[in-house]
Amino acid sequence: STVYIKGPRERTEQTLPGMNLQMVTIKECDLRRDIQINDS
């Protein structure tokens, strides 16, 4: 898991075991919303 924080924004990238799946969540506190991304 990797968490990046810059100002009011946060990006979390997680690699799930056994499924070769990467999940990305972006928390935009200034816009008061979450974005979940499944790139594959």
PDB file of all heavy atoms in Angstrom:
ATOM      1  N   SER A   1       0.851  -1.181   0.000  1.00  0.00           N
ATOM      2  CA  SER A   1       0.000   0.000   0.000  1.00  0.00           C
ATOM      3  C   SER A   1       0.890   1.235   0.000  1.00  0.00           C
ATOM      4  O   SER A   1       1.899   1.285   0.701  1.00  0.00           O
ATOM      5  CB  SER A   1      -0.889   0.007   1.248  1.00  0.00           C
ATOM      6  OG  SER A   1      -1.662   1.185   1.290  1.00  0.00           O
ATOM      7  N   THR A   2       0.521   2.223  -0.810  1.00  0.00           N
ATOM      8  CA  THR A   2       1.237   3.488  -0.863  1.00  0.00           C
ATOM      9  C   THR A   2       0.221   4.612  -0.731  1.00  0.00           C
ATOM     10  O   THR A   2      -0.786   4.626  -1.430  1.00  0.00           O
ATOM     11  CB  THR A   2       2.017   3.642  -2.183  1.00  0.00           C
ATOM     12  OG1 THR A   2       2.852   2.502  -2.379  1.00  0.00           O
ATOM     13  CG2 THR A   2       2.867   4.891  -2.163  1.00  0.00           C
ATOM     14  N   VAL A   3       0.500   5.546   0.168  1.00  0.00           N
ATOM     15  CA  VAL A   3      -0.372   6.700   0.386  1.00  0.00           C
ATOM     16  C   VAL A   3       0.431   7.950   0.036  1.00  0.00           C
ATOM     17  O   VAL A   3       1.536   8.138   0.532  1.00  0.00           O
ATOM     18  CB  VAL A   3      -0.859   6.779   1.852  1.00  0.00           C
ATOM     19  CG1 VAL A   3      -1.719   8.012   2.062  1.00  0.00           C
ATOM     20  CG2 VAL A   3      -1.617   5.523   2.233  1.00  0.00           C
ATOM     21  N   TYR A   4      -0.129   8.776  -0.835  1.00  0.00           N
ATOM     22  CA  TYR A   4       0.464  10.054  -1.203  1.00  0.00           C
ATOM     23  C   TYR A   4      -0.456  11.150  -0.674  1.00  0.00           C
ATOM     24  O   TYR A   4      -1.658  11.115  -0.922  1.00  0.00           O
ATOM     25  CB  TYR A   4       0.573  10.204  -2.723  1.00  0.00           C
ATOM     26  CG  TYR A   4       1.371   9.139  -3.408  1.00  0.00           C
ATOM     27  CD1 TYR A   4       0.760   7.997  -3.901  1.00  0.00           C
ATOM     28  CD2 TYR A   4       2.739   9.280  -3.575  1.00  0.00           C
ATOM     29  CE1 TYR A   4       1.485   7.014  -4.546  1.00  0.00           C
ATOM     30  CE2 TYR A   4       3.471   8.299  -4.223  1.00  0.00           C
ATOM     31  CZ  TYR A   4       2.846   7.164  -4.704  1.00  0.00           C
ATOM     32  OH  TYR A   4       3.559   6.196  -5.339  1.00  0.00           O
ATOM     33  N   ILE A   5       0.106  12.135   0.024  1.00  0.00           N
ATOM     34  CA  ILE A   5      -0.692  13.252   0.525  1.00  0.00           C
ATOM     35  C   ILE A   5      -0.037  14.544   0.069  1.00  0.00           C
ATOM     36  O   ILE A   5       1.167  14.753   0.241  1.00  0.00           O
ATOM     37  CB  ILE A   5      -0.792  13.233   2.062  1.00  0.00           C
ATOM     38  CG1 ILE A   5      -1.480  11.945   2.522  1.00  0.00           C
ATOM     39  CG2 ILE A   5      -1.547  14.458   2.569  1.00  0.00           C
ATOM     40  CD1 ILE A   5      -1.538  11.777   4.011  1.00  0.00           C
ATOM     41  N   LYS A   6      -0.838  15.393  -0.533  1.00  0.00           N
ATOM     42  CA  LYS A   6      -0.370  16.701  -0.984  1.00  0.00           C
ATOM     43  C   LYS A   6      -1.509  17.687  -0.763  1.00  0.00           C
ATOM     44  O   LYS A   6      -2.548  17.609  -1.413  1.00  0.00           O
ATOM     45  CB  LYS A   6       0.027  16.673  -2.451  1.00  0.00           C
ATOM     46  CG  LYS A   6       0.580  17.983  -2.951  1.00  0.00           C
ATOM     47  CD  LYS A   6       1.093  17.866  -4.361  1.00  0.00           C
ATOM     48  CE  LYS A   6       1.736  19.176  -4.775  1.00  0.00           C
ATOM     49  NZ  LYS A   6       2.364  19.058  -6.079  1.00  0.00           N
ATOM     50  N   GLY A   7      -1.304  18.596   0.174  1.00  0.00           N
ATOM     51  CA  GLY A   7      -2.346  19.579   0.490  1.00  0.00           C
ATOM     52  C   GLY A   7      -3.619  18.882   0.939  1.00  0.00           C
ATOM     53  O   GLY A   7      -3.578  17.961   1.750  1.00  0.00           O
ATOM     54  N   PRO A   8      -4.771  19.269   0.378  1.00  0.00           N
ATOM     55  CA  PRO A   8      -6.044  18.664   0.795  1.00  0.00           C
ATOM     56  C   PRO A   8      -6.382  17.377   0.033  1.00  0.00           C
ATOM     57  O   PRO A   8      -7.490  16.884   0.118  1.00  0.00           O
ATOM     58  CB  PRO A   8      -7.059  19.759   0.481  1.00  0.00           C
ATOM     59  CG  PRO A   8      -6.485  20.449  -0.699  1.00  0.00           C
ATOM     60  CD  PRO A   8      -4.992  20.420  -0.487  1.00  0.00           C
ATOM     61  N   ARG A   9      -5.414  16.825  -0.705  1.00  0.00           N
ATOM     62  CA  ARG A   9      -5.683  15.634  -1.515  1.00  0.00           C
ATOM     63  C   ARG A   9      -4.848  14.454  -1.027  1.00  0.00           C
ATOM     64  O   ARG A   9      -3.734  14.614  -0.557  1.00  0.00           O
ATOM     65  CB  ARG A   9      -5.366  15.906  -2.987  1.00  0.00           C
ATOM     66  CG  ARG A   9      -6.040  17.157  -3.540  1.00  0.00           C
ATOM     67  CD  ARG A   9      -7.212  16.786  -4.370  1.00  0.00           C
ATOM     68  NE  ARG A   9      -7.990  17.944  -4.757  1.00  0.00           N
ATOM     69  CZ  ARG A   9      -8.257  18.271  -5.988  1.00  0.00           C
ATOM     70  NH1 ARG A   9      -7.801  17.546  -6.983  1.00  0.00           N
ATOM     71  NH2 ARG A   9      -9.019  19.311  -6.261  1.00  0.00           N
ATOM     72  N   GLU A  10      -5.426  13.265  -1.165  1.00  0.00           N
ATOM     73  CA  GLU A  10      -4.758  12.035  -0.744  1.00  0.00           C
ATOM     74  C   GLU A  10      -5.039  10.940  -1.767  1.00  0.00           C
ATOM     75  O   GLU A  10      -6.174  10.762  -2.193  1.00  0.00           O
ATOM     76  CB  GLU A  10      -5.303  11.615   0.618  1.00  0.00           C
ATOM     77  CG  GLU A  10      -4.824  10.279   1.091  1.00  0.00           C
ATOM     78  CD  GLU A  10      -5.517   9.902   2.380  1.00  0.00           C
ATOM     79  OE1 GLU A  10      -5.513  10.705   3.329  1.00  0.00           O
ATOM     80  OE2 GLU A  10      -6.068   8.790   2.429  1.00  0.00           O
ATOM     81  N   ARG A  11      -3.992  10.231  -2.168  1.00  0.00           N
ATOM     82  CA  ARG A  11      -4.132   9.119  -3.116  1.00  0.00           C
ATOM     83  C   ARG A  11      -3.601   7.862  -2.439  1.00  0.00           C
ATOM     84  O   ARG A  11      -2.485   7.850  -1.927  1.00  0.00           O
ATOM     85  CB  ARG A  11      -3.332   9.394  -4.389  1.00  0.00           C
ATOM     86  CG  ARG A  11      -3.371   8.261  -5.387  1.00  0.00           C
ATOM     87  CD  ARG A  11      -2.474   8.579  -6.581  1.00  0.00           C
ATOM     88  NE  ARG A  11      -2.444   7.487  -7.519  1.00  0.00           N
ATOM     89  CZ  ARG A  11      -3.143   7.429  -8.640  1.00  0.00           C
ATOM     90  NH1 ARG A  11      -3.940   8.427  -8.955  1.00  0.00           N
ATOM     91  NH2 ARG A  11      -3.047   6.392  -9.439  1.00  0.00           N
ATOM     92  N   THR A  12      -4.410   6.811  -2.429  1.00  0.00           N
ATOM     93  CA  THR A  12      -4.015   5.541  -1.838  1.00  0.00           C
ATOM     94  C   THR A  12      -4.022   4.478  -2.929  1.00  0.00           C
ATOM     95  O   THR A  12      -5.026   4.296  -3.609  1.00  0.00           O
ATOM     96  CB  THR A  12      -4.994   5.123  -0.720  1.00  0.00           C
ATOM     97  OG1 THR A  12      -5.054   6.168   0.253  1.00  0.00           O
ATOM     98  CG2 THR A  12      -4.547   3.844  -0.052  1.00  0.00           C
ATOM     99  N   GLU A  13      -2.887   3.806  -3.094  1.00  0.00           N
ATOM    100  CA  GLU A  13      -2.761   2.723  -4.074  1.00  0.00           C
ATOM    101  C   GLU A  13      -2.509   1.439  -3.301  1.00  0.00           C
ATOM    102  O   GLU A  13      -1.605   1.375  -2.480  1.00  0.00           O
ATOM    103  CB  GLU A  13      -1.608   2.988  -5.035  1.00  0.00           C
ATOM    104  CG  GLU A  13      -1.768   4.247  -5.839  1.00  0.00           C
ATOM    105  CD  GLU A  13      -0.558   4.561  -6.702  1.00  0.00           C
ATOM    106  OE1 GLU A  13       0.465   3.851  -6.595  1.00  0.00           O
ATOM    107  OE2 GLU A  13      -0.639   5.524  -7.476  1.00  0.00           O
ATOM    108  N   GLN A  14      -3.314   0.420  -3.578  1.00  0.00           N
ATOM    109  CA  GLN A  14      -3.154  -0.863  -2.891  1.00  0.00           C
ATOM    110  C   GLN A  14      -3.117  -1.982  -3.907  1.00  0.00           C
ATOM    111  O   GLN A  14      -3.912  -1.994  -4.855  1.00  0.00           O
ATOM    112  CB  GLN A  14      -4.300  -1.094  -1.916  1.00  0.00           C
ATOM    113  CG  GLN A  14      -4.297  -0.109  -0.780  1.00  0.00           C
ATOM    114  CD  GLN A  14      -5.440  -0.334   0.165  1.00  0.00           C
ATOM    115  OE1 GLN A  14      -6.523  -0.726  -0.231  1.00  0.00           O
ATOM    116  NE2 GLN A  14      -5.195  -0.079   1.441  1.00  0.00           N
ATOM    117  N   THR A  15      -2.197  -2.914  -3.690  1.00  0.00           N
ATOM    118  CA  THR A  15      -2.115  -4.113  -4.507  1.00  0.00           C
ATOM    119  C   THR A  15      -2.660  -5.264  -3.688  1.00  0.00           C
ATOM    120  O   THR A  15      -2.154  -5.559  -2.602  1.00  0.00           O
ATOM    121  CB  THR A  15      -0.657  -4.386  -4.929  1.00  0.00           C
ATOM    122  OG1 THR A  15      -0.158  -3.233  -5.592  1.00  0.00           O
ATOM    123  CG2 THR A  15      -0.585  -5.577  -5.855  1.00  0.00           C
ATOM    124  N   LEU A  16      -3.714  -5.896  -4.180  1.00  0.00           N
ATOM    125  CA  LEU A  16      -4.367  -6.965  -3.440  1.00  0.00           C
ATOM    126  C   LEU A  16      -3.701  -8.302  -3.744  1.00  0.00           C
ATOM    127  O   LEU A  16      -3.433  -8.621  -4.904  1.00  0.00           O
ATOM    128  CB  LEU A  16      -5.848  -7.012  -3.798  1.00  0.00           C
ATOM    129  CG  LEU A  16      -6.607  -5.700  -3.586  1.00  0.00           C
ATOM    130  CD1 LEU A  16      -8.045  -5.851  -4.031  1.00  0.00           C
ATOM    131  CD2 LEU A  16      -6.546  -5.298  -2.140  1.00  0.00           C
ATOM    132  N   PRO A  17      -3.458  -9.107  -2.704  1.00  0.00           N
ATOM    133  CA  PRO A  17      -2.753 -10.372  -2.906  1.00  0.00           C
ATOM    134  C   PRO A  17      -3.609 -11.406  -3.627  1.00  0.00           C
ATOM    135  O   PRO A  17      -4.821 -11.455  -3.470  1.00  0.00           O
ATOM    136  CB  PRO A  17      -2.446 -10.829  -1.475  1.00  0.00           C
ATOM    137  CG  PRO A  17      -3.487 -10.178  -0.638  1.00  0.00           C
ATOM    138  CD  PRO A  17      -3.798  -8.879  -1.317  1.00  0.00           C
ATOM    139  N   GLY A  18      -2.952 -12.199  -4.450  1.00  0.00           N
ATOM    140  CA  GLY A  18      -3.618 -13.326  -5.095  1.00  0.00           C
ATOM    141  C   GLY A  18      -4.486 -12.959  -6.274  1.00  0.00           C
ATOM    142  O   GLY A  18      -4.814 -13.809  -7.089  1.00  0.00           O
ATOM    143  N   MET A  19      -4.855 -11.697  -6.414  1.00  0.00           N
ATOM    144  CA  MET A  19      -5.748 -11.305  -7.498  1.00  0.00           C
ATOM    145  C   MET A  19      -5.047 -10.430  -8.532  1.00  0.00           C
ATOM    146  O   MET A  19      -5.623 -10.096  -9.542  1.00  0.00           O
ATOM    147  CB  MET A  19      -6.956 -10.547  -6.937  1.00  0.00           C
ATOM    148  CG  MET A  19      -7.865 -11.386  -6.089  1.00  0.00           C
ATOM    149  SD  MET A  19      -9.283 -10.473  -5.534  1.00  0.00           S
ATOM    150  CE  MET A  19      -8.664  -9.769  -4.026  1.00  0.00           C
ATOM    151  N   ASN A  20      -3.801 -10.024  -8.261  1.00  0.00           N
ATOM    152  CA  ASN A  20      -3.054  -9.144  -9.144  1.00  0.00           C
ATOM    153  C   ASN A  20      -3.914  -7.930  -9.513  1.00  0.00           C
ATOM    154  O   ASN A  20      -4.031  -7.555 -10.672  1.00  0.00           O
ATOM    155  CB  ASN A  20      -2.568  -9.880 -10.382  1.00  0.00           C
ATOM    156  CG  ASN A  20      -1.463  -9.117 -11.085  1.00  0.00           C
ATOM    157  OD1 ASN A  20      -0.835  -8.238 -10.489  1.00  0.00           O
ATOM    158  ND2 ASN A  20      -1.227  -9.443 -12.325  1.00  0.00           N
ATOM    159  N   LEU A  21      -4.544  -7.343  -8.517  1.00  0.00           N
ATOM    160  CA  LEU A  21      -5.467  -6.235  -8.707  1.00  0.00           C
ATOM    161  C   LEU A  21      -4.938  -5.019  -7.956  1.00  0.00           C
ATOM    162  O   LEU A  21      -4.528  -5.131  -6.803  1.00  0.00           O
ATOM    163  CB  LEU A  21      -6.854  -6.598  -8.167  1.00  0.00           C
ATOM    164  CG  LEU A  21      -7.915  -5.517  -8.183  1.00  0.00           C
ATOM    165  CD1 LEU A  21      -8.335  -5.222  -9.621  1.00  0.00           C
ATOM    166  CD2 LEU A  21      -9.119  -5.965  -7.389  1.00  0.00           C
ATOM    167  N   GLN A  22      -4.922  -3.876  -8.631  1.00  0.00           N
ATOM    168  CA  GLN A  22      -4.519  -2.637  -7.967  1.00  0.00           C
ATOM    169  C   GLN A  22      -5.744  -1.755  -7.804  1.00  0.00           C
ATOM    170  O   GLN A  22      -6.480  -1.516  -8.757  1.00  0.00           O
ATOM    171  CB  GLN A  22      -3.455  -1.898  -8.754  1.00  0.00           C
ATOM    172  CG  GLN A  22      -2.963  -0.664  -8.026  1.00  0.00           C
ATOM    173  CD  GLN A  22      -1.812   0.018  -8.731  1.00  0.00           C
ATOM    174  OE1 GLN A  22      -1.519  -0.259  -9.872  1.00  0.00           O
ATOM    175  NE2 GLN A  22      -1.160   0.924  -8.031  1.00  0.00           N
ATOM    176  N   MET A  23      -5.947  -1.287  -6.578  1.00  0.00           N
ATOM    177  CA  MET A  23      -7.078  -0.424  -6.272  1.00  0.00           C
ATOM    178  C   MET A  23      -6.538   0.952  -5.919  1.00  0.00           C
ATOM    179  O   MET A  23      -5.603   1.079  -5.124  1.00  0.00           O
ATOM    180  CB  MET A  23      -7.869  -0.988  -5.100  1.00  0.00           C
ATOM    181  CG  MET A  23      -9.170  -0.283  -4.870  1.00  0.00           C
ATOM    182  SD  MET A  23     -10.199  -1.187  -3.712  1.00  0.00           S
ATOM    183  CE  MET A  23      -9.746  -0.377  -2.206  1.00  0.00           C
ATOM    184  N   VAL A  24      -7.118   2.000  -6.504  1.00  0.00           N
ATOM    185  CA  VAL A  24      -6.685   3.367  -6.262  1.00  0.00           C
ATOM    186  C   VAL A  24      -7.868   4.159  -5.719  1.00  0.00           C
ATOM    187  O   VAL A  24      -8.969   4.104  -6.277  1.00  0.00           O
ATOM    188  CB  VAL A  24      -6.152   4.028  -7.551  1.00  0.00           C
ATOM    189  CG1 VAL A  24      -5.762   5.467  -7.295  1.00  0.00           C
ATOM    190  CG2 VAL A  24      -4.978   3.242  -8.109  1.00  0.00           C
ATOM    191  N   THR A  25      -7.645   4.869  -4.628  1.00  0.00           N
ATOM    192  CA  THR A  25      -8.660   5.741  -4.054  1.00  0.00           C
ATOM    193  C   THR A  25      -8.063   7.131  -3.926  1.00  0.00           C
ATOM    194  O   THR A  25      -6.964   7.292  -3.389  1.00  0.00           O
ATOM    195  CB  THR A  25      -9.102   5.250  -2.666  1.00  0.00           C
ATOM    196  OG1 THR A  25      -9.574   3.910  -2.776  1.00  0.00           O
ATOM    197  CG2 THR A  25     -10.201   6.118  -2.096  1.00  0.00           C
ATOM    198  N   ILE A  26      -8.786   8.131  -4.425  1.00  0.00           N
ATOM    199  CA  ILE A  26      -8.356   9.519  -4.303  1.00  0.00           C
ATOM    200  C   ILE A  26      -9.374  10.238  -3.424  1.00  0.00           C
ATOM    201  O   ILE A  26     -10.565  10.219  -3.714  1.00  0.00           O
ATOM    202  CB  ILE A  26      -8.259  10.202  -5.681  1.00  0.00           C
ATOM    203  CG1 ILE A  26      -7.246   9.460  -6.552  1.00  0.00           C
ATOM    204  CG2 ILE A  26      -7.884  11.676  -5.520  1.00  0.00           C
ATOM    205  CD1 ILE A  26      -7.194   9.935  -7.978  1.00  0.00           C
ATOM    206  N   LYS A  27      -8.875  10.849  -2.368  1.00  0.00           N
ATOM    207  CA  LYS A  27      -9.731  11.599  -1.451  1.00  0.00           C
ATOM    208  C   LYS A  27      -9.459  13.082  -1.699  1.00  0.00           C
ATOM    209  O   LYS A  27      -8.360  13.567  -1.458  1.00  0.00           O
ATOM    210  CB  LYS A  27      -9.411  11.222  -0.008  1.00  0.00           C
ATOM    211  CG  LYS A  27     -10.363  11.811   1.006  1.00  0.00           C
ATOM    212  CD  LYS A  27     -10.042  11.302   2.400  1.00  0.00           C
ATOM    213  CE  LYS A  27     -10.281   9.830   2.527  1.00  0.00           C
ATOM    214  NZ  LYS A  27     -11.592   9.412   2.901  1.00  0.00           N
ATOM    215  N   GLU A  28     -10.471  13.770  -2.224  1.00  0.00           N
ATOM    216  CA  GLU A  28     -10.363  15.195  -2.500  1.00  0.00           C
ATOM    217  C   GLU A  28     -11.117  15.945  -1.402  1.00  0.00           C
ATOM    218  O   GLU A  28     -12.315  16.214  -1.531  1.00  0.00           O
ATOM    219  CB  GLU A  28     -10.936  15.523  -3.879  1.00  0.00           C
ATOM    220  CG  GLU A  28     -10.173  14.864  -5.008  1.00  0.00           C
ATOM    221  CD  GLU A  28     -10.757  15.148  -6.369  1.00  0.00           C
ATOM    222  OE1 GLU A  28     -11.997  15.186  -6.512  1.00  0.00           O
ATOM    223  OE2 GLU A  28      -9.967  15.338  -7.295  1.00  0.00           O
ATOM    224  N   CYS A  29     -10.415  16.265  -0.329  1.00  0.00           N
ATOM    225  CA  CYS A  29     -11.066  16.899   0.823  1.00  0.00           C
ATOM    226  C   CYS A  29     -11.577  18.294   0.472  1.00  0.00           C
ATOM    227  O   CYS A  29     -12.596  18.722   1.008  1.00  0.00           O
ATOM    228  CB  CYS A  29     -10.101  16.966   1.997  1.00  0.00           C
ATOM    229  SG  CYS A  29      -9.644  15.342   2.624  1.00  0.00           S
ATOM    230  N   ASP A  30     -10.882  19.002  -0.423  1.00  0.00           N
ATOM    231  CA  ASP A  30     -11.336  20.337  -0.794  1.00  0.00           C
ATOM    232  C   ASP A  30     -12.639  20.288  -1.590  1.00  0.00           C
ATOM    233  O   ASP A  30     -13.465  21.195  -1.498  1.00  0.00           O
ATOM    234  CB  ASP A  30     -10.255  21.081  -1.578  1.00  0.00           C
ATOM    235  CG  ASP A  30      -9.751  20.302  -2.787  1.00  0.00           C
ATOM    236  OD1 ASP A  30      -9.916  19.063  -2.823  1.00  0.00           O
ATOM    237  OD2 ASP A  30      -9.197  20.940  -3.697  1.00  0.00           O
ATOM    238  N   LEU A  31     -12.870  19.222  -2.338  1.00  0.00           N
ATOM    239  CA  LEU A  31     -14.118  19.057  -3.090  1.00  0.00           C
ATOM    240  C   LEU A  31     -15.111  18.149  -2.370  1.00  0.00           C
ATOM    241  O   LEU A  31     -16.193  17.880  -2.887  1.00  0.00           O
ATOM    242  CB  LEU A  31     -13.826  18.498  -4.486  1.00  0.00           C
ATOM    243  CG  LEU A  31     -12.918  19.369  -5.357  1.00  0.00           C
ATOM    244  CD1 LEU A  31     -12.632  18.675  -6.686  1.00  0.00           C
ATOM    245  CD2 LEU A  31     -13.527  20.730  -5.578  1.00  0.00           C
ATOM    246  N   ARG A  32     -14.713  17.632  -1.198  1.00  0.00           N
ATOM    247  CA  ARG A  32     -15.546  16.773  -0.357  1.00  0.00           C
ATOM    248  C   ARG A  32     -16.076  15.559  -1.125  1.00  0.00           C
ATOM    249  O   ARG A  32     -17.269  15.306  -1.184  1.00  0.00           O
ATOM    250  CB  ARG A  32     -16.691  17.562   0.276  1.00  0.00           C
ATOM    251  CG  ARG A  32     -16.205  18.717   1.149  1.00  0.00           C
ATOM    252  CD  ARG A  32     -17.234  19.321   2.046  1.00  0.00           C
ATOM    253  NE  ARG A  32     -18.100  18.378   2.743  1.00  0.00           N
ATOM    254  CZ  ARG A  32     -17.767  17.694   3.845  1.00  0.00           C
ATOM    255  NH1 ARG A  32     -16.567  17.799   4.340  1.00  0.00           N
ATOM    256  NH2 ARG A  32     -18.644  16.893   4.420  1.00  0.00           N
ATOM    257  N   ARG A  33     -15.140  14.798  -1.727  1.00  0.00           N
ATOM    258  CA  ARG A  33     -15.540  13.598  -2.455  1.00  0.00           C
ATOM    259  C   ARG A  33     -14.392  12.592  -2.518  1.00  0.00           C
ATOM    260  O   ARG A  33     -13.232  12.940  -2.343  1.00  0.00           O
ATOM    261  CB  ARG A  33     -15.996  13.947  -3.866  1.00  0.00           C
ATOM    262  CG  ARG A  33     -14.879  14.453  -4.760  1.00  0.00           C
ATOM    263  CD  ARG A  33     -15.398  14.798  -6.119  1.00  0.00           C
ATOM    264  NE  ARG A  33     -14.304  15.196  -7.010  1.00  0.00           N
ATOM    265  CZ  ARG A  33     -14.490  15.582  -8.242  1.00  0.00           C
ATOM    266  NH1 ARG A  33     -15.696  15.638  -8.749  1.00  0.00           N
ATOM    267  NH2 ARG A  33     -13.457  15.917  -8.989  1.00  0.00           N
ATOM    268  N   ASP A  34     -14.775  11.337  -2.732  1.00  0.00           N
ATOM    269  CA  ASP A  34     -13.836  10.234  -2.943  1.00  0.00           C
ATOM    270  C   ASP A  34     -13.975   9.751  -4.372  1.00  0.00           C
ATOM    271  O   ASP A  34     -15.078   9.713  -4.923  1.00  0.00           O
ATOM    272  CB  ASP A  34     -14.150   9.050  -2.016  1.00  0.00           C
ATOM    273  CG  ASP A  34     -13.727   9.301  -0.581  1.00  0.00           C
ATOM    274  OD1 ASP A  34     -12.736  10.024  -0.371  1.00  0.00           O
ATOM    275  OD2 ASP A  34     -14.386   8.767   0.319  1.00  0.00           O
ATOM    276  N   ILE A  35     -12.849   9.344  -4.958  1.00  0.00           N
ATOM    277  CA  ILE A  35     -12.858   8.743  -6.289  1.00  0.00           C
ATOM    278  C   ILE A  35     -12.179   7.385  -6.163  1.00  0.00           C
ATOM    279  O   ILE A  35     -11.061   7.289  -5.664  1.00  0.00           O
ATOM    280  CB  ILE A  35     -12.100   9.611  -7.312  1.00  0.00           C
ATOM    281  CG1 ILE A  35     -12.706  11.010  -7.373  1.00  0.00           C
ATOM    282  CG2 ILE A  35     -12.111   8.946  -8.677  1.00  0.00           C
ATOM    283  CD1 ILE A  35     -11.905  11.988  -8.212  1.00  0.00           C
ATOM    284  N   GLN A  36     -12.864   6.341  -6.586  1.00  0.00           N
ATOM    285  CA  GLN A  36     -12.295   4.993  -6.592  1.00  0.00           C
ATOM    286  C   GLN A  36     -12.038   4.611  -8.046  1.00  0.00           C
ATOM    287  O   GLN A  36     -12.927   4.745  -8.894  1.00  0.00           O
ATOM    288  CB  GLN A  36     -13.236   4.002  -5.935  1.00  0.00           C
ATOM    289  CG  GLN A  36     -13.440   4.284  -4.469  1.00  0.00           C
ATOM    290  CD  GLN A  36     -14.442   3.332  -3.839  1.00  0.00           C
ATOM    291  OE1 GLN A  36     -15.137   2.600  -4.516  1.00  0.00           O
ATOM    292  NE2 GLN A  36     -14.519   3.355  -2.517  1.00  0.00           N
ATOM    293  N   ILE A  37     -10.829   4.118  -8.327  1.00  0.00           N
ATOM    294  CA  ILE A  37     -10.429   3.820  -9.694  1.00  0.00           C
ATOM    295  C   ILE A  37     -10.002   2.363  -9.805  1.00  0.00           C
ATOM    296  O   ILE A  37      -9.210   1.874  -9.012  1.00  0.00           O
ATOM    297  CB  ILE A  37      -9.256   4.723 -10.125  1.00  0.00           C
ATOM    298  CG1 ILE A  37      -9.646   6.196  -9.993  1.00  0.00           C
ATOM    299  CG2 ILE A  37      -8.814   4.403 -11.542  1.00  0.00           C
ATOM    300  CD1 ILE A  37      -8.496   7.152 -10.158  1.00  0.00           C
ATOM    301  N   ASN A  38     -10.537   1.681 -10.815  1.00  0.00           N
ATOM    302  CA  ASN A  38     -10.086   0.341 -11.183  1.00  0.00           C
ATOM    303  C   ASN A  38      -9.517   0.477 -12.592  1.00  0.00           C
ATOM    304  O   ASN A  38     -10.249   0.476 -13.573  1.00  0.00           O
ATOM    305  CB  ASN A  38     -11.238  -0.653 -11.156  1.00  0.00           C
ATOM    306  CG  ASN A  38     -10.799  -2.059 -11.466  1.00  0.00           C
ATOM    307  OD1 ASN A  38      -9.747  -2.281 -12.064  1.00  0.00           O
ATOM    308  ND2 ASN A  38     -11.606  -3.022 -11.074  1.00  0.00           N
ATOM    309  N   ASP A  39      -8.193   0.632 -12.662  1.00  0.00           N
ATOM    310  CA  ASP A  39      -7.546   0.917 -13.935  1.00  0.00           C
ATOM    311  C   ASP A  39      -7.621  -0.260 -14.904  1.00  0.00           C
ATOM    312  O   ASP A  39      -7.767  -0.070 -16.107  1.00  0.00           O
ATOM    313  CB  ASP A  39      -6.091   1.315 -13.694  1.00  0.00           C
ATOM    314  CG  ASP A  39      -5.461   1.950 -14.918  1.00  0.00           C
ATOM    315  OD1 ASP A  39      -6.178   2.693 -15.626  1.00  0.00           O
ATOM    316  OD2 ASP A  39      -4.262   1.719 -15.167  1.00  0.00           O
ATOM    317  N   SER A  40      -7.539  -1.486 -14.388  1.00  0.00           N
ATOM    318  CA  SER A  40      -7.563  -2.649 -15.284  1.00  0.00           C
ATOM    319  C   SER A  40      -8.917  -2.799 -15.967  1.00  0.00           C
ATOM    320  O   SER A  40      -9.004  -3.223 -17.119  1.00  0.00           O
ATOM    321  CB  SER A  40      -7.204  -3.931 -14.526  1.00  0.00           C
ATOM    322  OG  SER A  40      -8.143  -4.155 -13.502  1.00  0.00           O
TER     323      SER A  40
END
